[in-house]
Amino acid sequence: MKQQTAPDLFEPGLFDGTGFYEVFAWYRAHEPVSWQHPAGEPEGFWSVTKYRDVVSVHRDSTRMISTKGMRLGSTDSAVGAVANKMLIVSDPPDHTRVKRVLIQPFSHEILARAEAYVESVVADVVATAVQNPEPDLITHLQRIPTDVICAIMGLPRSDWAWIGKKTTEAFESPSEILRLTANSEIFKYFYDMVRENRRTAANDFISGLTAHADGGPHLTDEELVFNLSGILAGGNETTRYTLAALTLQLAEHPDQWHRIDRGEVDPAVATEEGLRWSVPGMHVMRTATEAVRVGGVVIEPGQRVVTWIGSANRDAEVFDAPDTFDVGRTGNRHLSFGAGRHMCLGSRLARLEVTAYLRTLRRMVGSMTLENEPRYNGSNFTWGLNDLPVVLHP
């Protein structure tokens, strides 16, 4: 970039497209750890853009805590309500206790048993998209993560469409009132389900989480509700954005699609590039508990630190030709699932779904075309495509 002064990371509309990657590149080159104080915000924070510094912050769970909030825009009251109760807003020892319970449903053995179901969902979605193309392919793609996570959680099929709608509203609605309302509705949904399951034990997923009370870590009903909501959100929105971003790149770069289609590149390898490229979790926030040096800069106690995963995944010190989409990229050490204690619990499931999608495309799709301009949601937190005008051809 030609700018000599620091570009504005909070320029309105910056995340409406992909231009923010140029801004990140400027900061990596000139000010990898920079002080930011957006207009209208009560306090500033340190912005971290280089891969090595992002990793150091994520792995330092002693001096970089999550219980003061893990994203920009959080209110103190909202964070306080879930701190040390919801996994992503907790620190040891509560984080260790909660994670030991929540990790069970995402073990390798359990997900291996779920693989056939994932394959069937993906096959049905892709077949439907080929036979009945929509102006927005996301209309079809959003079914994959929603149907998979709802089935794993044992939620009634009749609720799946409502759950998908409410999860999207909770993250993407431009109205703060609608976002808060959707979150409240999801919490109430799980509150009622947890209370009913205490009586009937009808939901195996919830029963499995509560079974740890005998001699092991356990969750209160409140913690169950918060974390069931977190599992739903983590297994739904982010994977949808990855599927959409990967499809867009394959449509725009048919040479990359042909490498997969001809069997030159393993879909599991291409999955990692899709994850690196899509970065649905754009930033993560921590708060320093004591003075700590990051990238040569001293962070003072109480100061917030925001790590930009979208920037770290384009760091040329780690990735060759980082701005090139390469489905055959190996040694792909992207940070899309985070690092350290807060590494995403659903990473195996996400990989399973994306790889199944690529394998299914190879079986059912001959080519794909981009029919119009795609549209992004503009978020600097959970970033991705809102509209994907791609048609899949047999």
Protein backbone atom coordinates (compact mmCIF):
# COMPACT_ATOMS: atom_id res chain seq x y z
CA MET A 1 0.00 0.00 0.00
CA LYS A 2 1.12 3.55 -0.70
CA GLN A 3 -0.23 5.11 2.47
CA GLN A 4 2.35 6.39 4.91
CA THR A 5 -0.19 7.13 7.65
CA ALA A 6 -2.01 4.36 9.43
CA PRO A 7 -5.24 3.41 7.64
CA ASP A 8 -8.50 3.32 9.57
CA LEU A 9 -9.39 -0.18 10.74
CA PHE A 10 -12.87 1.09 11.59
CA GLU A 11 -13.72 2.96 8.43
CA PRO A 12 -17.44 2.43 7.76
CA GLY A 13 -17.97 -0.31 5.21
CA LEU A 14 -14.41 -1.65 5.42
CA PHE A 15 -15.62 -5.22 5.95
CA ASP A 16 -18.34 -5.00 3.31
CA GLY A 17 -15.85 -6.57 0.93
CA THR A 18 -12.26 -7.80 1.10
CA GLY A 19 -10.42 -4.46 1.10
CA PHE A 20 -9.57 -4.85 4.79
CA TYR A 21 -6.84 -7.32 3.79
CA GLU A 22 -4.84 -4.40 2.36
CA VAL A 23 -5.28 -2.55 5.64
CA PHE A 24 -4.03 -5.58 7.57
CA ALA A 25 -1.03 -5.80 5.23
CA TRP A 26 -0.12 -2.19 6.02
CA TYR A 27 -0.24 -2.83 9.76
CA ARG A 28 1.80 -6.06 9.53
CA ALA A 29 4.48 -4.13 7.64
CA HIS A 30 4.48 -0.89 9.64
CA GLU A 31 2.73 -1.28 13.02
CA PRO A 32 2.07 -4.93 13.80
CA VAL A 33 0.94 -4.04 17.33
CA SER A 34 -0.91 -0.72 17.22
CA TRP A 35 -3.08 1.30 19.58
CA GLN A 36 -6.63 1.78 18.31
CA HIS A 37 -9.36 3.97 19.76
CA PRO A 38 -12.35 4.03 17.39
CA ALA A 39 -14.55 7.12 17.44
CA GLY A 40 -17.42 6.81 19.86
CA GLU A 41 -15.83 3.96 21.84
CA PRO A 42 -15.24 4.58 25.57
CA GLU A 43 -11.79 2.99 25.56
CA GLY A 44 -9.12 1.83 23.16
CA PHE A 45 -7.27 -1.43 22.68
CA TRP A 46 -4.12 -2.94 21.23
CA SER A 47 -4.52 -4.39 17.73
CA VAL A 48 -2.32 -7.41 16.87
CA THR A 49 -1.90 -8.40 13.22
CA LYS A 50 1.14 -10.70 12.83
CA TYR A 51 0.85 -14.47 13.09
CA ARG A 52 3.53 -14.98 15.74
CA ASP A 53 2.06 -12.27 17.98
CA VAL A 54 -1.49 -13.55 17.58
CA VAL A 55 -0.33 -17.02 18.64
CA SER A 56 1.54 -15.65 21.65
CA VAL A 57 -1.59 -13.86 22.89
CA HIS A 58 -3.83 -16.89 22.38
CA ARG A 59 -1.46 -19.23 24.17
CA ASP A 60 -0.97 -16.97 27.18
CA SER A 61 -4.02 -17.92 29.26
CA THR A 62 -2.41 -16.62 32.47
CA ARG A 63 -1.77 -13.01 31.51
CA MET A 64 -4.35 -12.74 28.70
CA ILE A 65 -7.82 -13.55 30.02
CA SER A 66 -11.23 -14.03 28.36
CA THR A 67 -13.57 -13.25 31.25
CA LYS A 68 -13.55 -9.52 30.45
CA GLY A 69 -14.99 -10.22 26.99
CA MET A 70 -13.78 -11.98 23.87
CA ARG A 71 -15.09 -9.63 21.16
CA LEU A 72 -15.34 -5.93 20.44
CA GLY A 73 -18.72 -4.38 21.14
CA SER A 74 -19.54 -6.57 24.13
CA THR A 75 -21.23 -4.84 27.05
CA ASP A 76 -19.97 -5.32 30.60
CA SER A 77 -23.38 -6.59 31.71
CA ALA A 78 -23.58 -9.20 28.95
CA VAL A 79 -20.04 -10.40 29.58
CA GLY A 80 -20.57 -10.48 33.34
CA ALA A 81 -23.65 -12.67 32.95
CA VAL A 82 -21.72 -15.46 31.19
CA ALA A 83 -18.15 -15.03 32.48
CA ASN A 84 -16.69 -18.35 33.70
CA LYS A 85 -19.98 -20.03 32.75
CA MET A 86 -19.75 -20.01 28.94
CA LEU A 87 -16.65 -21.71 27.55
CA ILE A 88 -15.49 -18.92 25.24
CA VAL A 89 -15.74 -16.35 28.05
CA SER A 90 -14.00 -18.37 30.75
CA ASP A 91 -10.53 -18.84 32.19
CA PRO A 92 -8.94 -21.67 34.21
CA PRO A 93 -9.96 -23.40 36.36
CA ASP A 94 -13.56 -22.92 35.15
CA HIS A 95 -12.51 -23.16 31.51
CA THR A 96 -10.84 -26.51 32.20
CA ARG A 97 -13.91 -27.83 34.01
CA VAL A 98 -16.40 -26.72 31.34
CA LYS A 99 -14.24 -27.91 28.46
CA ARG A 100 -13.83 -31.39 29.97
CA VAL A 101 -17.61 -31.74 29.80
CA LEU A 102 -18.25 -30.14 26.42
CA ILE A 103 -15.46 -31.90 24.54
CA GLN A 104 -17.06 -35.33 24.96
CA PRO A 105 -19.64 -35.10 22.14
CA PHE A 106 -16.91 -34.00 19.73
CA SER A 107 -14.50 -36.88 20.29
CA HIS A 108 -12.96 -38.63 17.30
CA GLU A 109 -14.99 -41.79 17.94
CA ILE A 110 -18.35 -40.02 18.11
CA LEU A 111 -17.69 -37.92 15.01
CA ALA A 112 -16.53 -40.99 13.11
CA ARG A 113 -19.97 -42.47 13.73
CA ALA A 114 -21.56 -39.24 12.50
CA GLU A 115 -19.63 -39.20 9.23
CA ALA A 116 -22.20 -41.20 7.26
CA TYR A 117 -24.94 -38.82 8.34
CA VAL A 118 -22.86 -35.79 7.36
CA GLU A 119 -22.24 -37.32 3.94
CA SER A 120 -25.97 -37.93 3.44
CA VAL A 121 -26.91 -34.36 4.42
CA VAL A 122 -24.29 -32.88 2.10
CA ALA A 123 -25.33 -35.16 -0.78
CA ASP A 124 -28.96 -34.13 -0.39
CA VAL A 125 -28.09 -30.42 -0.24
CA VAL A 126 -25.81 -30.50 -3.29
CA ALA A 127 -28.27 -32.59 -5.32
CA THR A 128 -31.05 -30.13 -4.48
CA ALA A 129 -28.84 -27.15 -5.38
CA VAL A 130 -27.99 -28.70 -8.77
CA GLN A 131 -31.59 -29.61 -9.59
CA ASN A 132 -33.20 -26.45 -8.20
CA PRO A 133 -30.70 -23.58 -8.37
CA GLU A 134 -31.52 -20.51 -6.29
CA PRO A 135 -30.35 -16.93 -6.91
CA ASP A 136 -28.40 -17.31 -3.66
CA LEU A 137 -26.59 -20.63 -3.16
CA ILE A 138 -26.42 -19.95 0.60
CA THR A 139 -30.13 -20.78 0.68
CA HIS A 140 -29.00 -24.37 0.13
CA LEU A 141 -25.57 -24.35 1.83
CA GLN A 142 -26.87 -23.10 5.18
CA ARG A 143 -28.73 -26.37 5.59
CA ILE A 144 -25.50 -28.35 5.92
CA PRO A 145 -24.20 -26.99 9.25
CA THR A 146 -27.70 -26.41 10.62
CA ASP A 147 -28.93 -29.94 9.91
CA VAL A 148 -25.69 -31.54 11.12
CA ILE A 149 -25.38 -29.68 14.43
CA CYS A 150 -29.10 -29.97 15.18
CA ALA A 151 -28.96 -33.73 14.56
CA ILE A 152 -25.88 -34.15 16.76
CA MET A 153 -27.56 -32.15 19.52
CA GLY A 154 -30.72 -34.24 19.19
CA LEU A 155 -32.98 -31.26 18.55
CA PRO A 156 -36.44 -31.96 17.08
CA ARG A 157 -36.39 -31.81 13.28
CA SER A 158 -39.46 -29.59 13.36
CA ASP A 159 -37.35 -26.92 15.09
CA TRP A 160 -34.39 -26.92 12.69
CA ALA A 161 -35.60 -24.20 10.33
CA TRP A 162 -36.50 -21.94 13.28
CA ILE A 163 -33.12 -22.59 14.92
CA GLY A 164 -31.24 -21.73 11.73
CA LYS A 165 -33.23 -18.51 11.35
CA LYS A 166 -32.73 -17.43 14.97
CA THR A 167 -29.01 -18.22 14.94
CA THR A 168 -28.55 -16.08 11.85
CA GLU A 169 -30.57 -13.24 13.39
CA ALA A 170 -28.52 -13.42 16.59
CA PHE A 171 -25.30 -12.82 14.63
CA GLU A 172 -26.26 -10.94 11.49
CA SER A 173 -29.31 -8.80 12.10
CA PRO A 174 -28.50 -5.10 11.60
CA SER A 175 -30.86 -4.37 14.47
CA GLU A 176 -29.39 -4.67 17.95
CA ILE A 177 -32.87 -5.29 19.31
CA LEU A 178 -33.42 -8.21 16.94
CA ARG A 179 -30.00 -9.65 17.80
CA LEU A 180 -30.70 -9.48 21.52
CA THR A 181 -34.21 -10.87 21.04
CA ALA A 182 -32.92 -13.80 18.99
CA ASN A 183 -30.28 -14.62 21.59
CA SER A 184 -32.91 -14.47 24.34
CA GLU A 185 -35.19 -16.79 22.39
CA ILE A 186 -32.37 -19.30 21.89
CA PHE A 187 -31.51 -19.19 25.59
CA LYS A 188 -35.15 -19.77 26.51
CA TYR A 189 -35.39 -22.64 24.03
CA PHE A 190 -32.48 -24.42 25.69
CA TYR A 191 -33.64 -23.50 29.20
CA ASP A 192 -36.94 -25.24 28.53
CA MET A 193 -35.17 -28.20 26.95
CA VAL A 194 -32.71 -28.64 29.83
CA ARG A 195 -35.51 -28.41 32.40
CA GLU A 196 -37.58 -30.99 30.50
CA ASN A 197 -34.60 -33.27 30.09
CA ARG A 198 -34.02 -33.31 33.85
CA ARG A 199 -37.46 -34.92 34.06
CA THR A 200 -37.42 -37.23 31.01
CA ALA A 201 -33.76 -37.75 29.98
CA ALA A 202 -35.12 -37.83 26.43
CA ASN A 203 -32.25 -35.91 24.83
CA ASP A 204 -29.13 -38.10 24.71
CA PHE A 205 -26.85 -35.18 23.90
CA ILE A 206 -27.88 -33.17 26.97
CA SER A 207 -28.00 -36.29 29.12
CA GLY A 208 -24.43 -37.06 28.08
CA LEU A 209 -23.32 -33.64 29.25
CA THR A 210 -25.05 -33.95 32.61
CA ALA A 211 -23.79 -37.50 33.21
CA HIS A 212 -20.41 -36.14 34.32
CA ALA A 213 -21.81 -35.02 37.65
CA ASP A 214 -20.92 -38.35 39.31
CA GLY A 215 -17.32 -38.03 40.38
CA GLY A 216 -16.34 -35.68 37.58
CA PRO A 217 -16.81 -32.09 36.40
CA HIS A 218 -20.39 -30.95 36.03
CA LEU A 219 -22.32 -28.00 34.68
CA THR A 220 -25.18 -26.15 36.32
CA ASP A 221 -28.39 -25.77 34.34
CA GLU A 222 -27.44 -22.17 33.64
CA GLU A 223 -24.05 -23.25 32.30
CA LEU A 224 -25.72 -25.90 30.16
CA VAL A 225 -28.02 -23.32 28.59
CA PHE A 226 -25.18 -20.88 27.84
CA ASN A 227 -22.96 -23.56 26.34
CA LEU A 228 -25.67 -25.29 24.34
CA SER A 229 -26.26 -21.91 22.73
CA GLY A 230 -22.50 -21.57 22.13
CA ILE A 231 -22.29 -25.03 20.53
CA LEU A 232 -25.21 -24.22 18.26
CA ALA A 233 -23.69 -20.93 17.13
CA GLY A 234 -20.19 -22.35 16.72
CA GLY A 235 -21.45 -25.30 14.68
CA ASN A 236 -23.71 -23.24 12.46
CA GLU A 237 -22.63 -19.79 11.34
CA THR A 238 -18.89 -20.26 10.95
CA THR A 239 -19.06 -23.44 8.86
CA ARG A 240 -21.64 -21.86 6.58
CA TYR A 241 -19.28 -18.97 5.89
CA THR A 242 -16.44 -21.36 5.11
CA LEU A 243 -18.57 -23.37 2.68
CA ALA A 244 -19.69 -20.19 0.96
CA ALA A 245 -16.20 -18.65 0.71
CA LEU A 246 -14.71 -21.89 -0.59
CA THR A 247 -17.43 -22.21 -3.24
CA LEU A 248 -16.90 -18.63 -4.37
CA GLN A 249 -13.16 -19.20 -4.81
CA LEU A 250 -13.73 -22.39 -6.79
CA ALA A 251 -16.22 -20.59 -9.03
CA GLU A 252 -13.83 -17.66 -9.57
CA HIS A 253 -10.80 -19.93 -10.05
CA PRO A 254 -11.91 -22.93 -12.14
CA ASP A 255 -8.30 -24.08 -12.39
CA GLN A 256 -8.35 -24.74 -8.64
CA TRP A 257 -11.66 -26.58 -8.92
CA HIS A 258 -10.24 -28.76 -11.72
CA ARG A 259 -7.33 -29.79 -9.49
CA ILE A 260 -9.84 -31.19 -7.00
CA ASP A 261 -12.21 -32.55 -9.64
CA ARG A 262 -9.43 -34.45 -11.44
CA GLY A 263 -8.18 -35.96 -8.20
CA GLU A 264 -4.90 -34.03 -8.19
CA VAL A 265 -5.64 -32.52 -4.77
CA ASP A 266 -7.10 -34.38 -1.79
CA PRO A 267 -10.33 -32.70 -0.58
CA ALA A 268 -8.96 -32.84 2.98
CA VAL A 269 -5.99 -30.70 1.88
CA ALA A 270 -8.24 -28.28 0.01
CA THR A 271 -10.40 -28.02 3.14
CA GLU A 272 -7.52 -26.43 5.04
CA GLU A 273 -7.10 -23.76 2.38
CA GLY A 274 -10.82 -23.08 2.50
CA LEU A 275 -10.54 -22.60 6.25
CA ARG A 276 -7.49 -20.33 5.95
CA TRP A 277 -9.14 -18.25 3.26
CA SER A 278 -12.61 -17.85 4.75
CA VAL A 279 -11.69 -16.74 8.32
CA PRO A 280 -15.26 -16.63 9.65
CA GLY A 281 -13.94 -15.70 13.11
CA MET A 282 -12.19 -12.44 12.19
CA HIS A 283 -11.04 -11.25 15.61
CA VAL A 284 -10.66 -12.42 19.20
CA MET A 285 -10.21 -10.18 22.24
CA ARG A 286 -8.30 -10.72 25.48
CA THR A 287 -7.53 -8.50 28.49
CA ALA A 288 -4.08 -8.26 30.08
CA THR A 289 -3.85 -9.06 33.80
CA GLU A 290 -0.26 -7.84 34.12
CA ALA A 291 2.34 -6.09 32.02
CA VAL A 292 3.25 -8.29 29.06
CA ARG A 293 5.32 -7.64 25.96
CA VAL A 294 3.74 -8.46 22.58
CA GLY A 295 5.68 -7.79 19.41
CA GLY A 296 8.02 -5.43 21.21
CA VAL A 297 5.17 -3.41 22.73
CA VAL A 298 4.39 -3.45 26.47
CA ILE A 299 0.72 -4.10 27.18
CA GLU A 300 -0.32 -2.67 30.53
CA PRO A 301 -2.60 -4.46 33.04
CA GLY A 302 -6.27 -3.98 32.23
CA GLN A 303 -5.72 -3.08 28.61
CA ARG A 304 -7.64 -4.96 25.92
CA VAL A 305 -5.86 -6.82 23.14
CA VAL A 306 -7.57 -7.70 19.85
CA THR A 307 -5.99 -10.35 17.64
CA TRP A 308 -6.94 -10.34 13.96
CA ILE A 309 -7.13 -13.92 12.67
CA GLY A 310 -7.86 -12.61 9.18
CA SER A 311 -4.50 -10.86 9.21
CA ALA A 312 -2.52 -13.73 10.74
CA ASN A 313 -3.79 -16.08 8.02
CA ARG A 314 -2.25 -13.81 5.37
CA ASP A 315 1.15 -13.36 7.03
CA ALA A 316 3.91 -13.90 4.45
CA GLU A 317 6.31 -14.98 7.20
CA VAL A 318 4.20 -18.13 7.60
CA PHE A 319 2.41 -18.65 4.27
CA ASP A 320 4.02 -18.59 0.82
CA ALA A 321 2.05 -16.32 -1.53
CA PRO A 322 -0.55 -15.74 1.21
CA ASP A 323 -2.91 -13.75 -1.03
CA THR A 324 -3.15 -16.63 -3.50
CA PHE A 325 -5.90 -19.22 -3.11
CA ASP A 326 -4.13 -22.57 -3.52
CA VAL A 327 -6.15 -25.73 -2.83
CA GLY A 328 -2.97 -27.79 -2.83
CA ARG A 329 -1.25 -25.74 -0.14
CA THR A 330 0.47 -28.04 2.36
CA GLY A 331 1.72 -27.37 5.87
CA ASN A 332 -1.26 -25.05 6.22
CA ARG A 333 -0.92 -23.71 9.78
CA HIS A 334 -3.91 -21.36 9.64
CA LEU A 335 -5.43 -20.00 12.84
CA SER A 336 -9.08 -20.19 11.83
CA PHE A 337 -9.78 -22.44 14.81
CA GLY A 338 -7.65 -20.32 17.15
CA ALA A 339 -4.73 -21.52 19.27
CA GLY A 340 -4.08 -22.45 22.88
CA ARG A 341 -6.78 -23.34 25.41
CA HIS A 342 -9.57 -21.79 23.38
CA MET A 343 -8.95 -23.86 20.25
CA CYS A 344 -12.38 -24.48 18.69
CA LEU A 345 -14.11 -27.60 20.05
CA GLY A 346 -15.90 -28.17 16.76
CA SER A 347 -12.82 -28.12 14.52
CA ARG A 348 -13.11 -31.83 13.68
CA LEU A 349 -16.77 -31.48 12.82
CA ALA A 350 -16.15 -28.43 10.63
CA ARG A 351 -13.39 -30.25 8.75
CA LEU A 352 -15.66 -33.26 8.33
CA GLU A 353 -18.44 -31.15 6.80
CA VAL A 354 -16.20 -29.15 4.45
CA THR A 355 -14.33 -32.22 3.22
CA ALA A 356 -17.61 -34.08 2.66
CA TYR A 357 -18.84 -31.08 0.66
CA LEU A 358 -15.79 -31.13 -1.61
CA ARG A 359 -16.04 -34.87 -2.15
CA THR A 360 -19.71 -34.48 -3.02
CA LEU A 361 -19.02 -31.63 -5.44
CA ARG A 362 -16.51 -33.88 -7.18
CA ARG A 363 -19.16 -36.58 -7.61
CA MET A 364 -22.12 -34.42 -8.59
CA VAL A 365 -20.86 -31.15 -10.07
CA GLY A 366 -19.10 -30.58 -13.37
CA SER A 367 -18.67 -26.81 -13.15
CA MET A 368 -19.88 -23.76 -11.26
CA THR A 369 -20.49 -20.21 -12.38
CA LEU A 370 -20.69 -16.90 -10.56
CA GLU A 371 -23.82 -15.17 -11.85
CA ASN A 372 -23.60 -11.84 -10.04
CA GLU A 373 -21.64 -9.89 -7.43
CA PRO A 374 -21.42 -11.65 -4.05
CA ARG A 375 -22.31 -9.66 -0.93
CA TYR A 376 -20.57 -9.75 2.47
CA ASN A 377 -22.13 -9.14 5.87
CA GLY A 378 -19.75 -6.31 6.86
CA SER A 379 -18.94 -7.73 10.30
CA ASN A 380 -15.44 -7.50 11.76
CA PHE A 381 -16.22 -10.39 14.12
CA THR A 382 -18.09 -13.20 12.35
CA TRP A 383 -17.30 -12.22 8.77
CA GLY A 384 -18.53 -13.85 5.61
CA LEU A 385 -20.83 -13.95 2.61
CA ASN A 386 -24.48 -13.03 2.96
CA ASP A 387 -25.29 -13.67 -0.69
CA LEU A 388 -23.57 -16.14 -3.00
CA PRO A 389 -24.96 -16.01 -6.57
CA VAL A 390 -23.24 -19.21 -7.72
CA VAL A 391 -24.90 -21.94 -9.79
CA LEU A 392 -23.73 -25.54 -9.59
CA HIS A 393 -23.90 -27.36 -12.94
CA PRO A 394 -24.02 -31.17 -13.33
